[in-house]
Amino acid sequence: MSIAAIASTLSAPFRPKRRLGFNTRVSFSDDAGPAQGLRDGIELFKAAERLGYQSGWAYQRHFDHYLSSPIPFFAAAGQHTSHITLGSAVIPMRYQDPILLAEAAATADLLIGGRLELAISTGANAAFDAVFGSVDTDARTEAKRRQARFLAAIAGEVLHTVDGPGQGAPEGTELRVTPHSPTLRSRIRQGSASLGSAVQAAELGIGLISGTVQHDHAEGETFGEYQARAIDAFRTTWRQRQGTEPPPVTVAASILVATTAELREKYAAYDLERLTKGIAASRPSGALEPTAPAVQPPGIQISPVFHGTPDQVIEAVLKDPGLAAADEIVLFLPPAFGLAENVRLLTDLAQTVAPSLGWSPTA
């Protein structure tokens, strides 16, 4: 199966995928422990680079069996890789100190040769005010304020001019984040779950990565249809506000290519689990029980799972409007899958499906 083979059936023009990535939660179980989970995470990035993947992403999650602090992890993983880009998908800004994050991000980016790609979000997330401290406004407004401060900091803008004694520097000194990575701001993306956040990214002049959960779709609109609409809104707004062609758009997708009957059964079971348990599906042993309902309330969708034989997966991906509109696909890896299973998923996708999507590996 190829792009040309089903071109007449496509609902929208299919953009060849010149880049391919993956997204992992760098999870750990009670049995193996966090140190082993972190080491396995680095091994996964190394394996993906050998397979020719252009990007690797890691999810941030606090107080659970997942990666809570991605920046030092990327600094470490970058010492074991040479060209794959390393990105967070996503860092919720509500509970980040924007200046400390900018310092850490610039330091890591310089250490790994300018390969950091941070995706940040301003949506409402788990309420950890009791730990991080409450604010006088709502979570989204506060997240947007911190996002703006972070973007200014990594851009090298003056954050404060010393105007009196006792401020740590001579009067008149302009304080900026150091060290400064000059190109880092161009590699910041908005993690988008709605059309509004996609438009916001274009207005801010940052890239876009569309995730596996969406909000505010129209009644009867599929996940892929809404995703394509948000991508189009991003590109249209970018051209209007920035006056240039928009940067490549990335989407995360659950794509499980089964090369055996046993794998087809396993991946079908995962699909069913995701449909019935929602975001609670595929958790490592010891992970917290999610408090969100398994069945999403009206206006919220989780992404479909594309699984089956290579030909079935190719056809489904080519026909999906959201994946068709994207420039890069990031393979979402089930959190409970171990290192060997994840490497097999990456290998099977790269060898059986990705070439038909227009992809070729990085040497």
Protein backbone atom coordinates (compact mmCIF):
# COMPACT_ATOMS: atom_id res chain seq x y z
CA MET A 1 0.00 0.00 0.00
CA SER A 2 1.35 3.47 -0.87
CA ILE A 3 0.23 7.08 -1.02
CA ALA A 4 -0.37 6.80 -4.73
CA ALA A 5 -2.34 3.57 -4.37
CA ILE A 6 -5.18 5.20 -2.47
CA ALA A 7 -4.74 8.85 -3.44
CA SER A 8 -8.19 8.97 -4.99
CA THR A 9 -9.81 8.05 -1.67
CA LEU A 10 -8.06 10.60 0.54
CA SER A 11 -10.30 13.19 2.19
CA ALA A 12 -7.50 15.77 2.14
CA PRO A 13 -4.03 16.08 0.59
CA PHE A 14 -1.59 13.85 2.43
CA ARG A 15 1.64 15.54 3.44
CA PRO A 16 4.60 13.16 3.22
CA LYS A 17 6.13 12.59 6.65
CA ARG A 18 9.75 13.66 6.35
CA ARG A 19 10.24 13.30 10.11
CA LEU A 20 9.14 10.54 12.44
CA GLY A 21 9.26 10.54 16.22
CA PHE A 22 8.04 8.76 19.33
CA ASN A 23 6.63 9.81 22.69
CA THR A 24 7.36 7.88 25.88
CA ARG A 25 6.41 8.45 29.50
CA VAL A 26 9.72 7.02 30.78
CA SER A 27 7.69 4.99 33.22
CA PHE A 28 8.85 2.64 35.96
CA SER A 29 7.24 -0.15 37.95
CA ASP A 30 7.38 -0.93 41.65
CA ASP A 31 9.34 -4.07 40.82
CA ALA A 32 12.13 -2.55 38.71
CA GLY A 33 12.23 0.88 40.37
CA PRO A 34 12.85 4.38 39.01
CA ALA A 35 16.59 4.04 38.31
CA GLN A 36 15.97 1.16 35.90
CA GLY A 37 13.09 3.06 34.29
CA LEU A 38 15.36 6.03 33.62
CA ARG A 39 18.09 3.82 32.18
CA ASP A 40 15.56 2.07 29.96
CA GLY A 41 14.38 5.48 28.79
CA ILE A 42 17.88 6.37 27.63
CA GLU A 43 18.22 3.00 25.89
CA LEU A 44 14.96 3.68 24.05
CA PHE A 45 16.28 6.99 22.71
CA LYS A 46 19.48 5.28 21.61
CA ALA A 47 17.54 2.54 19.81
CA ALA A 48 15.28 5.06 18.08
CA GLU A 49 18.29 6.99 16.81
CA ARG A 50 19.81 3.80 15.41
CA LEU A 51 16.53 3.15 13.58
CA GLY A 52 16.68 6.60 12.01
CA TYR A 53 13.97 8.38 14.01
CA GLN A 54 14.38 12.14 13.93
CA SER A 55 12.73 13.03 17.26
CA GLY A 56 12.08 11.56 20.68
CA TRP A 57 9.66 13.04 23.21
CA ALA A 58 9.00 12.37 26.89
CA TYR A 59 5.88 13.12 28.90
CA GLN A 60 6.03 14.92 32.24
CA ARG A 61 3.88 13.79 35.15
CA HIS A 62 4.24 14.72 38.81
CA PHE A 63 3.93 12.43 41.86
CA ASP A 64 3.56 9.17 39.93
CA HIS A 65 5.54 6.38 38.24
CA TYR A 66 6.60 8.57 35.32
CA LEU A 67 9.22 11.17 34.46
CA SER A 68 8.67 14.25 36.62
CA SER A 69 11.71 16.31 35.59
CA PRO A 70 12.44 15.93 31.87
CA ILE A 71 15.20 18.54 31.50
CA PRO A 72 17.96 16.63 33.38
CA PHE A 73 16.79 13.44 31.63
CA PHE A 74 17.30 15.08 28.22
CA ALA A 75 20.71 16.35 29.27
CA ALA A 76 21.64 12.75 30.13
CA ALA A 77 20.06 11.18 27.05
CA GLY A 78 21.81 13.74 24.89
CA GLN A 79 25.17 12.41 26.03
CA HIS A 80 24.26 8.98 24.60
CA THR A 81 22.87 10.23 21.26
CA SER A 82 24.19 12.49 18.54
CA HIS A 83 21.44 13.78 16.25
CA ILE A 84 17.93 12.79 17.39
CA THR A 85 16.08 15.80 18.83
CA LEU A 86 14.84 15.52 22.42
CA GLY A 87 11.55 17.06 23.42
CA SER A 88 9.01 17.35 26.22
CA ALA A 89 5.40 16.65 25.32
CA VAL A 90 4.22 18.40 27.32
CA ILE A 91 5.34 20.55 30.26
CA PRO A 92 2.27 22.14 31.91
CA MET A 93 3.26 25.71 32.74
CA ARG A 94 0.90 26.16 35.69
CA TYR A 95 3.40 24.57 38.11
CA GLN A 96 6.65 25.71 36.53
CA ASP A 97 8.85 28.55 37.68
CA PRO A 98 9.42 30.17 34.27
CA ILE A 99 12.87 31.58 35.02
CA LEU A 100 14.25 28.38 36.55
CA LEU A 101 12.81 26.39 33.65
CA ALA A 102 14.44 28.78 31.16
CA GLU A 103 17.81 28.41 32.89
CA ALA A 104 17.58 24.62 32.96
CA ALA A 105 16.37 24.41 29.36
CA ALA A 106 19.15 26.63 28.02
CA THR A 107 21.77 24.70 29.96
CA ALA A 108 20.52 21.35 28.66
CA ASP A 109 20.19 22.65 25.10
CA LEU A 110 23.80 23.85 25.05
CA LEU A 111 25.00 20.54 26.51
CA ILE A 112 23.27 18.48 23.79
CA GLY A 113 24.19 20.68 20.85
CA GLY A 114 20.94 22.53 20.25
CA ARG A 115 18.68 19.47 20.00
CA LEU A 116 16.09 20.41 22.63
CA GLU A 117 12.45 20.87 21.51
CA LEU A 118 10.19 21.83 24.38
CA ALA A 119 6.43 21.51 24.10
CA ILE A 120 4.58 23.43 26.79
CA SER A 121 0.89 23.70 27.62
CA THR A 122 -1.39 26.22 29.29
CA GLY A 123 -4.40 24.02 29.82
CA ALA A 124 -5.89 23.17 33.20
CA ASN A 125 -4.20 20.09 34.67
CA ALA A 126 -4.23 18.08 37.88
CA ALA A 127 -4.75 20.40 40.83
CA PHE A 128 -1.56 20.27 42.89
CA ASP A 129 -2.03 23.65 44.55
CA ALA A 130 -1.64 22.04 47.97
CA VAL A 131 1.96 21.18 47.03
CA PHE A 132 3.05 23.95 44.67
CA GLY A 133 0.99 26.74 46.18
CA SER A 134 -2.22 28.41 45.10
CA VAL A 135 -2.60 31.58 43.00
CA ASP A 136 -5.11 34.41 42.98
CA THR A 137 -6.41 33.60 39.49
CA ASP A 138 -7.49 30.49 37.59
CA ALA A 139 -5.05 27.81 36.42
CA ARG A 140 -5.18 28.68 32.72
CA THR A 141 -4.62 32.41 33.24
CA GLU A 142 -1.70 31.70 35.53
CA ALA A 143 -0.24 29.20 33.06
CA LYS A 144 -0.40 31.76 30.25
CA ARG A 145 1.33 34.35 32.45
CA ARG A 146 4.15 31.92 33.21
CA GLN A 147 4.37 30.89 29.57
CA ALA A 148 4.86 34.51 28.49
CA ARG A 149 7.56 34.99 31.12
CA PHE A 150 9.31 31.78 30.04
CA LEU A 151 9.29 32.77 26.36
CA ALA A 152 10.75 36.16 27.20
CA ALA A 153 13.45 34.54 29.32
CA ILE A 154 14.66 32.06 26.70
CA ALA A 155 14.56 34.78 24.04
CA GLY A 156 17.22 36.64 26.00
CA GLU A 157 15.02 39.59 26.90
CA VAL A 158 15.84 41.85 29.84
CA LEU A 159 13.87 40.52 32.80
CA HIS A 160 14.77 43.30 35.21
CA THR A 161 17.02 46.34 35.37
CA VAL A 162 18.59 46.80 38.80
CA ASP A 163 17.25 50.09 40.15
CA GLY A 164 18.56 50.20 43.66
CA PRO A 165 20.82 48.60 46.26
CA GLY A 166 20.47 45.09 47.59
CA GLN A 167 19.44 43.47 44.29
CA GLY A 168 22.54 41.36 43.72
CA ALA A 169 24.15 43.51 41.03
CA PRO A 170 25.21 47.13 40.44
CA GLU A 171 22.47 49.65 39.69
CA GLY A 172 21.64 49.77 35.99
CA THR A 173 22.56 46.12 35.36
CA GLU A 174 20.19 44.38 32.96
CA LEU A 175 19.37 40.89 34.16
CA ARG A 176 18.90 38.15 31.57
CA VAL A 177 18.83 34.36 31.83
CA THR A 178 22.27 32.81 31.52
CA PRO A 179 23.50 30.75 29.88
CA HIS A 180 21.60 31.82 26.79
CA SER A 181 20.92 29.42 23.91
CA PRO A 182 20.25 31.77 20.96
CA THR A 183 18.06 29.44 18.88
CA LEU A 184 16.10 27.70 21.63
CA ARG A 185 12.97 29.86 21.32
CA SER A 186 12.55 28.73 17.71
CA ARG A 187 12.22 25.16 19.02
CA ILE A 188 9.43 25.82 21.51
CA ARG A 189 5.99 24.41 20.72
CA GLN A 190 2.50 24.67 22.08
CA GLY A 191 1.00 21.36 23.14
CA SER A 192 -2.47 21.69 21.69
CA ALA A 193 -5.71 20.04 22.76
CA SER A 194 -8.07 22.53 21.13
CA LEU A 195 -8.49 24.90 18.22
CA GLY A 196 -8.03 27.82 20.61
CA SER A 197 -4.62 26.64 21.79
CA ALA A 198 -3.54 26.05 18.18
CA VAL A 199 -4.43 29.64 17.33
CA GLN A 200 -2.66 30.84 20.48
CA ALA A 201 0.54 29.10 19.36
CA ALA A 202 0.47 30.91 16.01
CA GLU A 203 -0.17 34.25 17.70
CA LEU A 204 2.85 33.70 19.97
CA GLY A 205 5.03 32.58 17.08
CA ILE A 206 5.81 29.13 18.47
CA GLY A 207 5.38 25.71 16.88
CA LEU A 208 2.52 23.25 17.31
CA ILE A 209 2.29 19.67 18.51
CA SER A 210 -1.18 18.13 18.67
CA GLY A 211 -1.73 15.55 21.39
CA THR A 212 -3.92 12.52 22.04
CA VAL A 213 -6.69 14.36 23.92
CA GLN A 214 -8.90 17.07 22.42
CA HIS A 215 -11.50 19.49 23.74
CA ASP A 216 -14.40 21.40 22.21
CA HIS A 217 -14.92 19.50 18.97
CA ALA A 218 -18.20 19.93 17.14
CA GLU A 219 -20.97 17.36 17.55
CA GLY A 220 -20.35 14.43 15.22
CA GLU A 221 -16.83 15.60 14.35
CA THR A 222 -14.18 12.88 14.49
CA PHE A 223 -10.88 13.24 16.28
CA GLY A 224 -8.99 13.47 12.98
CA GLU A 225 -11.40 15.98 11.47
CA TYR A 226 -11.09 18.32 14.45
CA GLN A 227 -7.32 17.86 14.51
CA ALA A 228 -7.09 18.83 10.82
CA ARG A 229 -9.26 21.89 11.47
CA ALA A 230 -6.99 23.00 14.33
CA ILE A 231 -3.88 22.52 12.19
CA ASP A 232 -5.42 24.62 9.42
CA ALA A 233 -6.31 27.35 11.94
CA PHE A 234 -2.72 27.36 13.19
CA ARG A 235 -1.28 27.73 9.69
CA THR A 236 -3.79 30.38 8.65
CA THR A 237 -3.24 32.44 11.81
CA TRP A 238 0.53 32.10 11.51
CA ARG A 239 0.55 33.50 7.99
CA GLN A 240 -1.68 36.38 9.07
CA ARG A 241 0.18 37.26 12.27
CA GLN A 242 3.78 36.28 11.52
CA GLY A 243 3.88 37.01 7.78
CA THR A 244 5.90 33.87 7.02
CA GLU A 245 5.23 30.24 6.23
CA PRO A 246 4.39 28.28 9.41
CA PRO A 247 6.83 25.76 10.87
CA PRO A 248 6.19 22.00 10.55
CA VAL A 249 3.29 20.65 12.62
CA THR A 250 3.67 17.49 14.69
CA VAL A 251 0.90 15.16 15.84
CA ALA A 252 1.07 12.35 18.38
CA ALA A 253 -0.76 9.16 17.42
CA SER A 254 -1.25 5.63 18.74
CA ILE A 255 -0.02 3.46 15.86
CA LEU A 256 0.57 -0.22 16.63
CA VAL A 257 1.77 -2.24 13.65
CA ALA A 258 1.19 -5.97 14.12
CA THR A 259 3.50 -8.26 12.15
CA THR A 260 2.12 -11.47 13.72
CA ALA A 261 -1.27 -12.82 14.73
CA GLU A 262 -0.17 -12.70 18.37
CA LEU A 263 0.64 -9.00 18.11
CA ARG A 264 -2.66 -8.26 16.36
CA GLU A 265 -4.47 -9.80 19.32
CA LYS A 266 -2.32 -7.90 21.84
CA TYR A 267 -2.83 -4.53 20.15
CA ALA A 268 -6.57 -5.10 19.72
CA ALA A 269 -6.75 -5.73 23.47
CA TYR A 270 -4.93 -2.45 24.12
CA ASP A 271 -7.36 -0.63 21.84
CA LEU A 272 -10.29 -2.07 23.79
CA GLU A 273 -8.66 -1.12 27.08
CA ARG A 274 -8.17 2.45 25.87
CA LEU A 275 -11.78 2.65 24.72
CA THR A 276 -13.11 1.40 28.07
CA LYS A 277 -10.56 2.89 30.49
CA GLY A 278 -9.57 6.02 28.62
CA ILE A 279 -6.36 7.61 29.84
CA ALA A 280 -6.17 5.01 32.62
CA ALA A 281 -5.19 2.36 30.07
CA SER A 282 -1.73 0.79 30.16
CA ARG A 283 -0.32 1.84 33.51
CA PRO A 284 2.86 0.41 35.05
CA SER A 285 2.48 -1.51 38.30
CA GLY A 286 2.19 0.88 41.24
CA ALA A 287 1.01 3.86 39.20
CA LEU A 288 -1.75 5.98 40.68
CA GLU A 289 -5.35 5.26 39.79
CA PRO A 290 -6.56 8.18 37.63
CA THR A 291 -9.44 10.20 39.02
CA ALA A 292 -10.68 11.23 35.58
CA PRO A 293 -13.70 9.24 34.29
CA ALA A 294 -13.01 6.43 31.80
CA VAL A 295 -15.74 7.70 29.49
CA GLN A 296 -14.92 11.24 28.41
CA PRO A 297 -17.58 13.93 29.02
CA PRO A 298 -19.16 15.71 26.04
CA GLY A 299 -16.69 17.82 24.07
CA ILE A 300 -13.63 15.73 24.97
CA GLN A 301 -12.14 12.97 22.83
CA ILE A 302 -9.09 10.72 23.06
CA SER A 303 -7.30 9.72 19.90
CA PRO A 304 -8.05 6.43 18.14
CA VAL A 305 -5.62 3.52 18.10
CA PHE A 306 -4.47 2.59 14.60
CA HIS A 307 -3.66 -1.10 14.75
CA GLY A 308 -3.68 -4.15 12.48
CA THR A 309 -1.50 -5.47 9.69
CA PRO A 310 0.94 -3.10 8.02
CA ASP A 311 -1.39 -2.60 5.04
CA GLN A 312 -4.37 -1.94 7.32
CA VAL A 313 -2.40 0.61 9.33
CA ILE A 314 -1.06 2.35 6.22
CA GLU A 315 -4.55 2.74 4.78
CA ALA A 316 -5.99 4.03 8.07
CA VAL A 317 -3.20 6.56 8.57
CA LEU A 318 -3.40 7.85 5.00
CA LYS A 319 -7.15 8.37 5.29
CA ASP A 320 -7.11 10.13 8.66
CA PRO A 321 -7.52 13.92 8.13
CA GLY A 322 -5.40 14.92 11.12
CA LEU A 323 -2.48 12.67 10.30
CA ALA A 324 -2.74 13.65 6.65
CA ALA A 325 -2.42 17.34 7.53
CA ALA A 326 0.60 16.93 9.81
CA ASP A 327 4.24 17.25 8.78
CA GLU A 328 5.55 14.85 11.42
CA ILE A 329 4.00 11.91 13.28
CA VAL A 330 5.09 11.03 16.80
CA LEU A 331 4.34 7.45 17.84
CA PHE A 332 2.67 7.36 21.27
CA LEU A 333 4.05 4.33 23.15
CA PRO A 334 1.76 2.63 25.69
CA PRO A 335 3.18 3.42 29.16
CA ALA A 336 3.10 -0.15 30.46
CA PHE A 337 5.01 -1.59 27.50
CA GLY A 338 8.58 -2.46 28.41
CA LEU A 339 11.79 -1.49 26.64
CA ALA A 340 11.87 -4.53 24.35
CA GLU A 341 8.23 -4.08 23.33
CA ASN A 342 8.74 -0.39 22.61
CA VAL A 343 11.81 -1.05 20.49
CA ARG A 344 9.84 -3.65 18.53
CA LEU A 345 7.03 -1.12 17.96
CA LEU A 346 9.50 1.46 16.68
CA THR A 347 11.20 -1.12 14.47
CA ASP A 348 7.98 -2.48 12.95
CA LEU A 349 6.65 1.01 12.20
CA ALA A 350 9.92 2.14 10.64
CA GLN A 351 10.31 -0.97 8.48
CA THR A 352 6.74 -1.72 7.37
CA VAL A 353 4.65 1.47 7.44
CA ALA A 354 6.76 4.63 7.55
CA PRO A 355 8.29 4.28 4.04
CA SER A 356 4.76 4.34 2.57
CA LEU A 357 4.15 7.65 4.37
CA GLY A 358 7.05 9.31 2.57
CA TRP A 359 9.56 8.83 5.41
CA SER A 360 13.19 7.86 5.16
CA PRO A 361 15.46 7.35 8.17
CA THR A 362 18.26 9.67 9.21
CA ALA A 363 21.58 8.01 8.55
